[in-house]
Amino acid sequence: MFIALCVCETVGFLLLLSLYRASTKPDFPSFVQSFPGFIFLGAAITVAISVGWILRTIHRCAAPNRKLLIMPMGMNVLMLSLIFTAAELGLRTLSGPNNESVLGVVLYPKQWSRFVLHAKETAKKIAHEGSYIIHDPILGWTIAPSYNGRENSEFSSTEGLRSPRPAMTFNDLHARHSGTSEHPASVRIAVIGDSMTFGYEVQCQDSWAHELEGLLQPHAQVLNFGVSAYSLNQAMLRYEKDVRPWHPQVVVIGISSLMLMRVNSIYPVLMNPEWTGFPFVRPRPFAENGIISTINHPVPTPEQILSSSRIDDLPHINADEYYSPFQWPRGGIWQMFEWSYIFRFANSVRPPSKSLPSESSSSAIGPLTKEATALSQSAVRQLVQTVLDDGSIPLIIHFPYLPEVKESQELSNYSPLVPKILQTAGIEYIDITRCLIETDPISAHYMPGGHYSPQAGSVIAQCLKPILQEKLRNPHLRSSLETAAPSK
């Protein structure tokens, strides 16, 4: 009797778990043909046999002796309670401070309340201490103007551009990253992009934009409009909102693979689960007649997001490519089970495929969905055309990650994501991969977090210098420089 009860409870748990997973399938035939479906059928048969055997044993036992069955049933209940309590406490202890993984296994369903808790702590810190990154209703987030990060050497100009020191303004045509020049700038070069353009992980003076400005002296001023974690759509909006008023002669558009993969991302924590303290939201683009617009305009504030008690209450959550309902609690009858770490751990040992979107980092790149590909190509075309209409020269640069550079070096037929997308769309671009490959060792070009090192900054600047010099020799550009000085 005792063994039969243990078997019945074990397979009953598997039956329950397989039913929980049934909702990840479109219909019952698809479910029964899947791995959870096989578990469901096997568990159902085993439960039926076990329950039948238990009932048969009770029925065959003489009435006076049925009291003897209370002992194994009581022992079973006691053992089950002790095992459940010990396992639950053990898993909660092993889960660590973030309560989202156990022994390297990410727990599903995730807990939206945990993200809200961490993000609220970040929001309080921002309100108390200030932040290099602030909310923007159009861009999602941007760099705070006149920021002085004394501890981490993060500075911004009075206009909200990356700068090597506090309290500087690029509106002064004599201003350079390295100091004040005797010559007023006759050429302004604006650079836009994500952290590979911004120069994340290195100080401003070690970024490629800073190095490039030094190589183009005495009459060039380089303005770094890069912002970490930006999507291609955000870079396009950054140009329209913040770059255009400066009337730069050349606009360098830095594009990395992750910028394309972020196009359909609204809530960064869904794409990058480790970003639990990042309370900002991306503008989500959509295309209508080839024109890119934003569906969540204005972009919700961190306070609006953190006021949502459930993730499925978030605005436009279903438009986020990295959102899967199967990652998050379903509530209702399942709420009591989703509270249990035993249930979450068992559900996560073999997570359903739909619960795992391509969570991206610099070591896991591509491929893009059809929609993201089309949006990326439309965004680049629109950005290039806007720059041209403004009388500036667009220069698209592909900034590769370390895995892409290694693959390009080892495989002759390898095509990284950005070149593949741009070539298909017939868009001209410059790829600095060859410049990085030709200056060994390649690993020295990247910081531990995957961004460009000071050595890479120097190499990239040297690579772009002759290209920009050639652009500046263009007679059309030269004539425009003779008639109009840069202004903001």
Protein backbone atom coordinates (compact mmCIF):
# COMPACT_ATOMS: atom_id res chain seq x y z
CA MET A 1 0.00 0.00 0.00
CA PHE A 2 2.79 2.43 1.00
CA ILE A 3 4.70 1.87 -2.25
CA ALA A 4 1.56 2.15 -4.34
CA LEU A 5 0.72 5.49 -2.73
CA CYS A 6 4.25 6.80 -3.39
CA VAL A 7 4.05 5.74 -7.03
CA CYS A 8 0.62 7.28 -7.41
CA GLU A 9 1.77 10.61 -5.93
CA THR A 10 4.93 10.74 -8.05
CA VAL A 11 3.20 10.07 -11.35
CA GLY A 12 0.34 12.32 -10.26
CA PHE A 13 2.84 15.18 -9.99
CA LEU A 14 4.13 14.36 -13.50
CA LEU A 15 0.54 14.28 -14.74
CA LEU A 16 -0.08 17.71 -13.27
CA LEU A 17 3.15 19.06 -14.75
CA SER A 18 2.35 17.71 -18.20
CA LEU A 19 -1.12 19.31 -18.07
CA TYR A 20 0.53 22.63 -17.21
CA ARG A 21 2.65 22.27 -20.30
CA ALA A 22 -0.32 21.37 -22.48
CA SER A 23 -1.17 25.04 -22.97
CA THR A 24 2.09 25.55 -24.89
CA LYS A 25 0.66 23.46 -27.72
CA PRO A 26 -1.90 24.72 -30.24
CA ASP A 27 -4.22 21.72 -29.93
CA PHE A 28 -4.62 18.35 -28.21
CA PRO A 29 -3.20 16.22 -31.08
CA SER A 30 -0.04 18.34 -31.05
CA PHE A 31 0.19 17.94 -27.30
CA VAL A 32 -0.12 14.15 -27.20
CA GLN A 33 2.55 13.86 -29.90
CA SER A 34 5.01 15.95 -27.88
CA PHE A 35 7.29 14.90 -25.03
CA PRO A 36 4.92 16.32 -22.36
CA GLY A 37 2.11 14.47 -24.11
CA PHE A 38 3.96 11.15 -23.82
CA ILE A 39 4.53 11.89 -20.12
CA PHE A 40 0.85 12.71 -19.73
CA LEU A 41 -0.31 9.44 -21.30
CA GLY A 42 2.19 7.35 -19.34
CA ALA A 43 1.39 9.11 -16.08
CA ALA A 44 -2.37 8.82 -16.63
CA ILE A 45 -2.09 5.08 -17.22
CA THR A 46 0.17 4.62 -14.20
CA VAL A 47 -2.13 6.67 -11.95
CA ALA A 48 -5.12 4.63 -13.10
CA ILE A 49 -3.31 1.37 -12.38
CA SER A 50 -2.06 2.57 -8.98
CA VAL A 51 -5.45 3.88 -7.88
CA GLY A 52 -7.12 0.68 -9.08
CA TRP A 53 -4.63 -1.44 -7.14
CA ILE A 54 -5.15 0.67 -3.98
CA LEU A 55 -8.95 0.45 -4.23
CA ARG A 56 -8.74 -3.28 -4.92
CA THR A 57 -6.51 -3.78 -1.86
CA ILE A 58 -8.91 -1.84 0.36
CA HIS A 59 -11.90 -3.73 -1.02
CA ARG A 60 -10.29 -7.14 -0.53
CA CYS A 61 -9.16 -6.33 2.99
CA ALA A 62 -11.59 -7.57 5.63
CA ALA A 63 -13.46 -4.84 7.46
CA PRO A 64 -11.78 -5.49 10.85
CA ASN A 65 -8.34 -5.30 9.23
CA ARG A 66 -8.91 -2.07 7.26
CA LYS A 67 -7.77 -0.06 10.27
CA LEU A 68 -4.31 -1.48 9.63
CA LEU A 69 -4.21 0.43 6.34
CA ILE A 70 -4.27 3.71 8.25
CA MET A 71 -0.64 3.23 9.29
CA PRO A 72 0.93 3.09 5.80
CA MET A 73 -1.37 5.90 4.65
CA GLY A 74 -0.36 8.04 7.64
CA MET A 75 3.34 7.26 7.08
CA ASN A 76 2.94 8.22 3.45
CA VAL A 77 1.34 11.58 4.31
CA LEU A 78 4.03 12.32 6.91
CA MET A 79 6.88 11.38 4.57
CA LEU A 80 5.35 13.38 1.73
CA SER A 81 5.04 16.46 3.95
CA LEU A 82 8.62 16.19 5.20
CA ILE A 83 10.07 15.64 1.73
CA PHE A 84 8.05 18.48 0.23
CA THR A 85 9.03 20.91 3.00
CA ALA A 86 12.72 19.98 2.86
CA ALA A 87 12.85 20.15 -0.93
CA GLU A 88 10.98 23.46 -1.04
CA LEU A 89 13.26 25.07 1.54
CA GLY A 90 16.35 23.61 -0.12
CA LEU A 91 15.46 24.96 -3.56
CA ARG A 92 14.59 28.38 -2.14
CA THR A 93 17.95 28.46 -0.38
CA LEU A 94 19.83 27.41 -3.52
CA SER A 95 17.99 29.99 -5.61
CA GLY A 96 20.23 32.74 -4.24
CA PRO A 97 19.39 36.42 -4.01
CA ASN A 98 17.58 36.77 -7.34
CA ASN A 99 15.23 33.80 -6.82
CA GLU A 100 15.13 33.21 -10.57
CA SER A 101 17.46 30.23 -10.99
CA VAL A 102 18.53 27.09 -9.13
CA LEU A 103 21.79 25.28 -9.88
CA GLY A 104 22.03 27.12 -13.19
CA VAL A 105 18.46 26.27 -14.20
CA VAL A 106 16.36 29.35 -14.97
CA LEU A 107 13.03 28.97 -13.19
CA TYR A 108 9.78 29.12 -15.14
CA PRO A 109 7.35 30.69 -14.66
CA LYS A 110 9.33 33.80 -13.81
CA GLN A 111 8.16 36.28 -11.20
CA TRP A 112 7.29 39.74 -12.47
CA SER A 113 7.24 40.97 -8.87
CA ARG A 114 10.99 40.27 -8.64
CA PHE A 115 11.74 42.49 -11.61
CA VAL A 116 9.50 45.22 -10.21
CA LEU A 117 11.30 45.01 -6.86
CA HIS A 118 14.78 45.33 -8.40
CA ALA A 119 13.69 48.03 -10.85
CA LYS A 120 12.08 50.06 -8.06
CA GLU A 121 15.36 49.94 -6.16
CA THR A 122 17.12 51.27 -9.28
CA ALA A 123 14.47 53.96 -9.73
CA LYS A 124 14.89 55.08 -6.11
CA LYS A 125 18.65 55.23 -6.57
CA ILE A 126 18.23 57.30 -9.74
CA ALA A 127 15.87 59.69 -7.94
CA HIS A 128 18.29 60.08 -5.04
CA GLU A 129 21.68 60.09 -6.77
CA GLY A 130 20.88 60.96 -10.38
CA SER A 131 21.74 58.80 -13.35
CA TYR A 132 23.73 58.88 -16.56
CA ILE A 133 20.67 57.36 -18.25
CA ILE A 134 17.28 59.07 -17.98
CA HIS A 135 13.80 58.45 -19.40
CA ASP A 136 12.88 60.03 -22.73
CA PRO A 137 9.28 59.91 -24.05
CA ILE A 138 10.45 59.53 -27.66
CA LEU A 139 13.68 57.53 -27.36
CA GLY A 140 12.85 55.42 -24.32
CA TRP A 141 16.01 56.54 -22.58
CA THR A 142 18.87 58.89 -23.30
CA ILE A 143 21.97 60.41 -21.72
CA ALA A 144 21.36 63.00 -19.04
CA PRO A 145 22.75 66.45 -19.79
CA SER A 146 25.57 67.83 -17.61
CA TYR A 147 26.09 64.53 -15.76
CA ASN A 148 29.15 64.25 -13.53
CA GLY A 149 29.79 60.66 -12.49
CA ARG A 150 32.66 61.18 -10.09
CA GLU A 151 33.08 57.52 -9.21
CA ASN A 152 32.88 55.87 -12.65
CA SER A 153 34.17 58.70 -14.86
CA GLU A 154 30.87 59.01 -16.72
CA PHE A 155 30.44 62.55 -17.98
CA SER A 156 28.09 64.25 -20.38
CA SER A 157 28.07 67.67 -21.98
CA THR A 158 25.44 70.29 -21.34
CA GLU A 159 23.67 68.96 -24.47
CA GLY A 160 23.58 65.32 -23.28
CA LEU A 161 26.48 63.98 -25.37
CA ARG A 162 29.25 61.76 -24.10
CA SER A 163 32.19 63.88 -23.00
CA PRO A 164 35.58 63.24 -21.38
CA ARG A 165 35.01 65.83 -18.63
CA PRO A 166 32.10 67.59 -16.95
CA ALA A 167 30.76 71.05 -17.68
CA MET A 168 31.78 71.15 -21.33
CA THR A 169 29.64 72.19 -24.28
CA PHE A 170 30.08 71.15 -27.90
CA ASN A 171 28.07 74.15 -29.03
CA ASP A 172 31.37 76.00 -28.79
CA LEU A 173 33.03 75.41 -32.16
CA HIS A 174 36.42 75.46 -30.43
CA ALA A 175 35.48 72.52 -28.17
CA ARG A 176 37.20 69.18 -28.73
CA HIS A 177 37.30 66.02 -26.66
CA SER A 178 40.96 66.66 -25.89
CA GLY A 179 40.50 70.32 -24.99
CA THR A 180 39.91 73.73 -26.55
CA SER A 181 41.23 74.19 -30.09
CA GLU A 182 42.60 77.42 -31.52
CA HIS A 183 40.64 76.70 -34.69
CA PRO A 184 36.84 76.75 -34.78
CA ALA A 185 35.40 73.59 -36.27
CA SER A 186 34.47 73.82 -39.94
CA VAL A 187 33.33 70.21 -40.07
CA ARG A 188 30.99 68.47 -37.66
CA ILE A 189 30.74 64.70 -37.69
CA ALA A 190 27.92 63.10 -35.69
CA VAL A 191 28.08 59.42 -34.75
CA ILE A 192 24.99 57.47 -33.70
CA GLY A 193 24.51 53.88 -32.57
CA ASP A 194 24.50 51.69 -29.49
CA SER A 195 27.20 50.80 -26.95
CA MET A 196 29.69 49.88 -29.69
CA THR A 197 29.46 53.49 -30.87
CA PHE A 198 29.18 55.00 -27.41
CA GLY A 199 32.30 53.16 -26.24
CA TYR A 200 30.89 51.23 -23.30
CA GLU A 201 33.39 49.69 -20.84
CA VAL A 202 36.06 52.28 -21.66
CA GLN A 203 36.50 55.93 -20.74
CA CYS A 204 35.54 58.55 -23.27
CA GLN A 205 39.16 59.30 -24.21
CA ASP A 206 39.62 55.62 -25.14
CA SER A 207 36.57 55.43 -27.41
CA TRP A 208 36.98 55.31 -31.18
CA ALA A 209 34.98 58.54 -31.63
CA HIS A 210 37.44 60.41 -29.41
CA GLU A 211 40.40 58.89 -31.27
CA LEU A 212 38.86 59.73 -34.64
CA GLU A 213 38.42 63.37 -33.73
CA GLY A 214 42.09 63.60 -32.83
CA LEU A 215 43.10 62.17 -36.22
CA LEU A 216 40.96 64.70 -38.11
CA GLN A 217 42.30 67.85 -36.50
CA PRO A 218 42.50 70.81 -36.62
CA HIS A 219 39.08 71.62 -38.11
CA ALA A 220 36.84 68.61 -37.25
CA GLN A 221 34.53 68.17 -34.29
CA VAL A 222 33.10 64.70 -33.58
CA LEU A 223 29.85 64.48 -31.61
CA ASN A 224 29.12 61.11 -30.00
CA PHE A 225 25.34 60.55 -29.90
CA GLY A 226 25.72 56.82 -29.18
CA VAL A 227 23.60 55.38 -26.34
CA SER A 228 24.09 51.94 -24.83
CA ALA A 229 21.52 49.21 -25.57
CA TYR A 230 19.86 51.16 -28.37
CA SER A 231 17.97 49.46 -31.15
CA LEU A 232 18.27 50.56 -34.77
CA ASN A 233 14.91 52.29 -34.44
CA GLN A 234 16.13 54.23 -31.40
CA ALA A 235 19.22 55.35 -33.30
CA MET A 236 16.99 56.62 -36.11
CA LEU A 237 14.81 58.52 -33.62
CA ARG A 238 17.94 59.86 -31.91
CA TYR A 239 19.04 61.36 -35.22
CA GLU A 240 15.68 62.96 -35.89
CA LYS A 241 15.31 64.37 -32.38
CA ASP A 242 18.85 65.24 -31.27
CA VAL A 243 21.32 65.09 -34.15
CA ARG A 244 19.45 66.99 -36.86
CA PRO A 245 19.55 70.40 -35.05
CA TRP A 246 23.37 70.31 -35.15
CA HIS A 247 23.46 70.17 -38.98
CA PRO A 248 26.47 67.82 -39.17
CA GLN A 249 28.25 67.49 -42.51
CA VAL A 250 28.75 63.74 -42.01
CA VAL A 251 26.59 61.30 -40.02
CA VAL A 252 28.32 58.04 -39.10
CA ILE A 253 25.66 55.39 -38.48
CA GLY A 254 27.15 52.58 -36.42
CA ILE A 255 25.18 49.33 -36.64
CA SER A 256 25.79 46.18 -34.60
CA SER A 257 23.94 42.88 -34.84
CA LEU A 258 22.21 43.41 -31.52
CA MET A 259 20.81 46.73 -32.73
CA LEU A 260 18.88 44.74 -35.34
CA MET A 261 17.82 42.09 -32.83
CA ARG A 262 16.46 44.79 -30.51
CA VAL A 263 14.15 46.24 -33.16
CA ASN A 264 11.15 44.22 -31.94
CA SER A 265 12.12 44.45 -28.27
CA ILE A 266 10.06 46.73 -26.04
CA TYR A 267 10.98 45.56 -22.55
CA PRO A 268 14.76 44.92 -22.34
CA VAL A 269 14.46 42.48 -19.43
CA LEU A 270 12.62 40.02 -21.70
CA MET A 271 15.52 39.95 -24.18
CA ASN A 272 18.18 40.13 -21.46
CA PRO A 273 16.81 38.47 -18.28
CA GLU A 274 19.84 39.60 -16.27
CA TRP A 275 18.77 43.25 -16.69
CA THR A 276 16.40 43.05 -13.73
CA GLY A 277 17.30 46.56 -12.56
CA PHE A 278 16.79 48.31 -15.91
CA PRO A 279 13.47 50.19 -15.66
CA PHE A 280 13.31 51.69 -19.15
CA VAL A 281 11.28 50.78 -22.24
CA ARG A 282 12.09 50.87 -25.97
CA PRO A 283 9.91 52.51 -28.62
CA ARG A 284 8.48 49.70 -30.78
CA PRO A 285 8.51 50.48 -34.52
CA PHE A 286 6.04 49.44 -37.17
CA ALA A 287 6.07 50.08 -40.91
CA GLU A 288 3.20 51.52 -42.90
CA ASN A 289 3.76 52.11 -46.61
CA GLY A 290 7.48 51.87 -46.01
CA ILE A 291 7.45 54.61 -43.34
CA ILE A 292 8.59 53.73 -39.82
CA SER A 293 6.42 54.91 -36.93
CA THR A 294 6.19 54.00 -33.25
CA ILE A 295 3.28 52.11 -31.67
CA ASN A 296 4.04 53.08 -28.05
CA HIS A 297 4.41 56.81 -28.36
CA PRO A 298 5.00 58.39 -25.95
CA VAL A 299 7.11 55.66 -24.41
CA PRO A 300 5.80 54.74 -20.92
CA THR A 301 7.78 56.03 -17.97
CA PRO A 302 9.48 53.66 -15.50
CA GLU A 303 6.84 54.63 -12.93
CA GLN A 304 4.03 53.56 -15.27
CA ILE A 305 5.72 50.22 -15.94
CA LEU A 306 6.48 49.49 -12.31
CA SER A 307 2.87 50.16 -11.33
CA SER A 308 1.74 47.05 -13.25
CA SER A 309 1.15 44.11 -10.93
CA ARG A 310 1.17 41.57 -13.76
CA ILE A 311 3.37 41.44 -16.83
CA ASP A 312 0.42 40.88 -19.15
CA ASP A 313 -0.95 44.27 -18.02
CA LEU A 314 2.02 46.06 -19.62
CA PRO A 315 1.24 48.23 -22.68
CA HIS A 316 1.80 46.45 -26.01
CA ILE A 317 3.38 43.45 -24.28
CA ASN A 318 2.28 41.10 -27.07
CA ALA A 319 4.18 43.24 -29.60
CA ASP A 320 7.46 42.40 -27.87
CA GLU A 321 9.13 39.62 -29.85
CA TYR A 322 10.79 38.30 -26.70
CA TYR A 323 7.59 37.99 -24.70
CA SER A 324 6.20 34.51 -24.24
CA PRO A 325 3.20 33.98 -21.95
CA PHE A 326 4.62 30.56 -21.07
CA GLN A 327 7.50 32.23 -19.23
CA TRP A 328 5.19 33.92 -16.77
CA PRO A 329 2.54 32.90 -14.22
CA ARG A 330 -0.89 32.03 -15.57
CA GLY A 331 -2.74 32.50 -12.30
CA GLY A 332 -6.15 31.03 -11.72
CA ILE A 333 -6.10 27.39 -10.72
CA TRP A 334 -2.35 27.22 -11.29
CA GLN A 335 -1.47 30.01 -8.86
CA MET A 336 -0.88 27.73 -5.86
CA PHE A 337 1.43 25.50 -7.90
CA GLU A 338 3.36 28.40 -9.42
CA TRP A 339 4.19 29.53 -5.90
CA SER A 340 6.15 26.30 -5.32
CA TYR A 341 9.85 26.17 -6.22
CA ILE A 342 9.56 22.40 -6.61
CA PHE A 343 6.96 22.88 -9.31
CA ARG A 344 8.92 25.69 -11.00
CA PHE A 345 12.17 23.71 -10.92
CA ALA A 346 10.55 20.56 -12.34
CA ASN A 347 8.89 22.65 -15.06
CA SER A 348 12.21 24.26 -15.94
CA VAL A 349 14.54 21.27 -16.16
CA ARG A 350 13.21 20.74 -19.66
CA PRO A 351 11.60 24.11 -20.50
CA PRO A 352 9.19 24.30 -23.42
CA SER A 353 10.76 25.67 -26.60
CA LYS A 354 8.27 28.55 -26.73
CA SER A 355 9.49 29.65 -23.32
CA LEU A 356 12.94 30.34 -24.68
CA PRO A 357 13.14 33.18 -27.19
CA SER A 358 16.58 33.96 -28.52
CA GLU A 359 17.89 35.70 -25.43
CA SER A 360 20.70 37.63 -27.01
CA SER A 361 24.15 38.67 -26.05
CA SER A 362 27.23 39.40 -28.03
CA SER A 363 27.96 35.66 -28.09
CA ALA A 364 24.51 34.65 -29.37
CA ILE A 365 23.62 36.58 -32.51
CA GLY A 366 20.73 36.13 -34.91
CA PRO A 367 18.91 35.07 -36.91
CA LEU A 368 16.27 37.76 -37.33
CA THR A 369 12.59 37.16 -37.82
CA LYS A 370 11.08 38.18 -41.13
CA GLU A 371 9.37 41.17 -39.52
CA ALA A 372 12.56 42.35 -37.78
CA THR A 373 14.49 42.04 -41.05
CA ALA A 374 11.94 44.13 -42.96
CA LEU A 375 11.77 46.75 -40.19
CA SER A 376 15.57 46.97 -40.01
CA GLN A 377 15.91 47.49 -43.73
CA SER A 378 13.13 50.08 -43.78
CA ALA A 379 14.66 51.92 -40.82
CA VAL A 380 18.10 52.09 -42.47
CA ARG A 381 16.62 53.32 -45.76
CA GLN A 382 14.53 55.95 -43.98
CA LEU A 383 17.46 57.11 -41.87
CA VAL A 384 19.80 57.36 -44.86
CA GLN A 385 17.21 59.28 -46.88
CA THR A 386 16.53 61.65 -43.99
CA VAL A 387 20.25 62.38 -43.62
CA LEU A 388 20.55 63.02 -47.36
CA ASP A 389 17.47 65.26 -47.36
CA ASP A 390 19.09 67.28 -44.57
CA GLY A 391 22.13 67.89 -46.79
CA SER A 392 24.47 65.63 -44.82
CA ILE A 393 26.49 62.60 -45.90
CA PRO A 394 25.48 59.27 -44.32
CA LEU A 395 28.19 56.68 -43.67
CA ILE A 396 26.99 53.28 -42.44
CA ILE A 397 29.53 51.28 -40.44
CA HIS A 398 29.20 47.65 -39.37
CA PHE A 399 30.61 47.15 -35.89
CA PRO A 400 31.16 43.39 -35.35
CA TYR A 401 31.32 41.51 -32.07
CA LEU A 402 34.20 39.18 -31.23
CA PRO A 403 32.38 35.96 -32.29
CA GLU A 404 31.62 37.55 -35.67
CA VAL A 405 35.24 38.60 -36.20
CA LYS A 406 36.47 35.10 -35.33
CA GLU A 407 33.94 33.46 -37.64
CA SER A 408 34.90 35.84 -40.46
CA GLN A 409 38.55 34.94 -39.96
CA GLU A 410 37.99 31.18 -39.86
CA LEU A 411 35.21 30.74 -42.44
CA SER A 412 35.55 32.26 -45.91
CA ASN A 413 31.81 32.01 -46.63
CA TYR A 414 30.64 33.44 -43.30
CA SER A 415 28.39 36.49 -43.53
CA PRO A 416 27.55 38.34 -40.28
CA LEU A 417 24.00 39.45 -39.66
CA VAL A 418 24.42 43.17 -40.43
CA PRO A 419 26.20 42.76 -43.81
CA LYS A 420 23.67 40.10 -44.80
CA ILE A 421 20.72 42.38 -44.07
CA LEU A 422 22.28 45.44 -45.70
CA GLN A 423 23.45 43.56 -48.81
CA THR A 424 19.99 42.07 -49.31
CA ALA A 425 18.51 45.56 -49.13
CA GLY A 426 21.13 46.98 -51.52
CA ILE A 427 22.43 49.43 -48.89
CA GLU A 428 26.07 50.53 -49.02
CA TYR A 429 28.14 50.16 -45.86
CA ILE A 430 31.69 49.96 -44.49
CA ASP A 431 32.72 46.82 -42.60
CA ILE A 432 35.58 47.30 -40.14
CA THR A 433 35.96 43.54 -39.57
CA ARG A 434 39.01 43.38 -41.86
CA CYS A 435 40.70 46.21 -39.96
CA LEU A 436 40.29 44.27 -36.70
CA ILE A 437 41.44 40.97 -38.22
CA GLU A 438 44.60 42.50 -39.66
CA THR A 439 45.71 43.79 -36.28
CA ASP A 440 46.34 40.80 -34.01
CA PRO A 441 45.54 39.61 -31.46
CA ILE A 442 41.82 39.89 -32.08
CA SER A 443 40.88 39.17 -28.47
CA ALA A 444 42.80 42.29 -27.38
CA HIS A 445 40.25 44.39 -29.25
CA TYR A 446 37.43 43.48 -26.86
CA MET A 447 36.73 44.15 -23.21
CA PRO A 448 35.37 41.42 -20.90
CA GLY A 449 31.80 42.55 -21.58
CA GLY A 450 32.22 42.29 -25.36
CA HIS A 451 32.72 45.96 -26.22
CA TYR A 452 35.69 47.57 -27.94
CA SER A 453 38.89 48.04 -25.97
CA PRO A 454 41.14 51.12 -26.17
CA GLN A 455 43.29 49.21 -28.70
CA ALA A 456 40.24 48.60 -30.88
CA GLY A 457 39.25 52.25 -30.57
CA SER A 458 42.58 53.26 -32.04
CA VAL A 459 42.34 50.67 -34.84
CA ILE A 460 38.78 51.71 -35.77
CA ALA A 461 39.71 55.39 -35.82
CA GLN A 462 42.70 54.67 -38.09
CA CYS A 463 40.43 52.58 -40.32
CA LEU A 464 37.78 55.32 -40.65
CA LYS A 465 40.18 58.24 -41.03
CA PRO A 466 40.93 57.84 -44.78
CA ILE A 467 37.28 57.09 -45.51
CA LEU A 468 36.15 60.30 -43.88
CA GLN A 469 38.98 62.28 -45.43
CA GLU A 470 37.81 61.08 -48.81
CA LYS A 471 34.25 62.12 -47.97
CA LEU A 472 35.48 65.55 -46.93
CA ARG A 473 37.25 65.96 -50.27
CA ASN A 474 33.95 65.56 -52.08
CA PRO A 475 33.42 68.77 -54.07
CA HIS A 476 29.72 68.90 -53.17
CA LEU A 477 30.58 68.72 -49.50
CA ARG A 478 33.43 71.18 -49.83
CA SER A 479 31.19 73.77 -51.50
CA SER A 480 28.65 73.40 -48.72
CA LEU A 481 31.35 73.92 -46.12
CA GLU A 482 32.41 77.14 -47.83
CA THR A 483 28.91 78.60 -47.61
CA ALA A 484 27.73 77.37 -44.23
CA ALA A 485 29.52 77.02 -40.94
CA PRO A 486 28.15 74.36 -38.58
CA SER A 487 25.67 75.63 -36.07
CA LYS A 488 23.21 74.32 -33.59
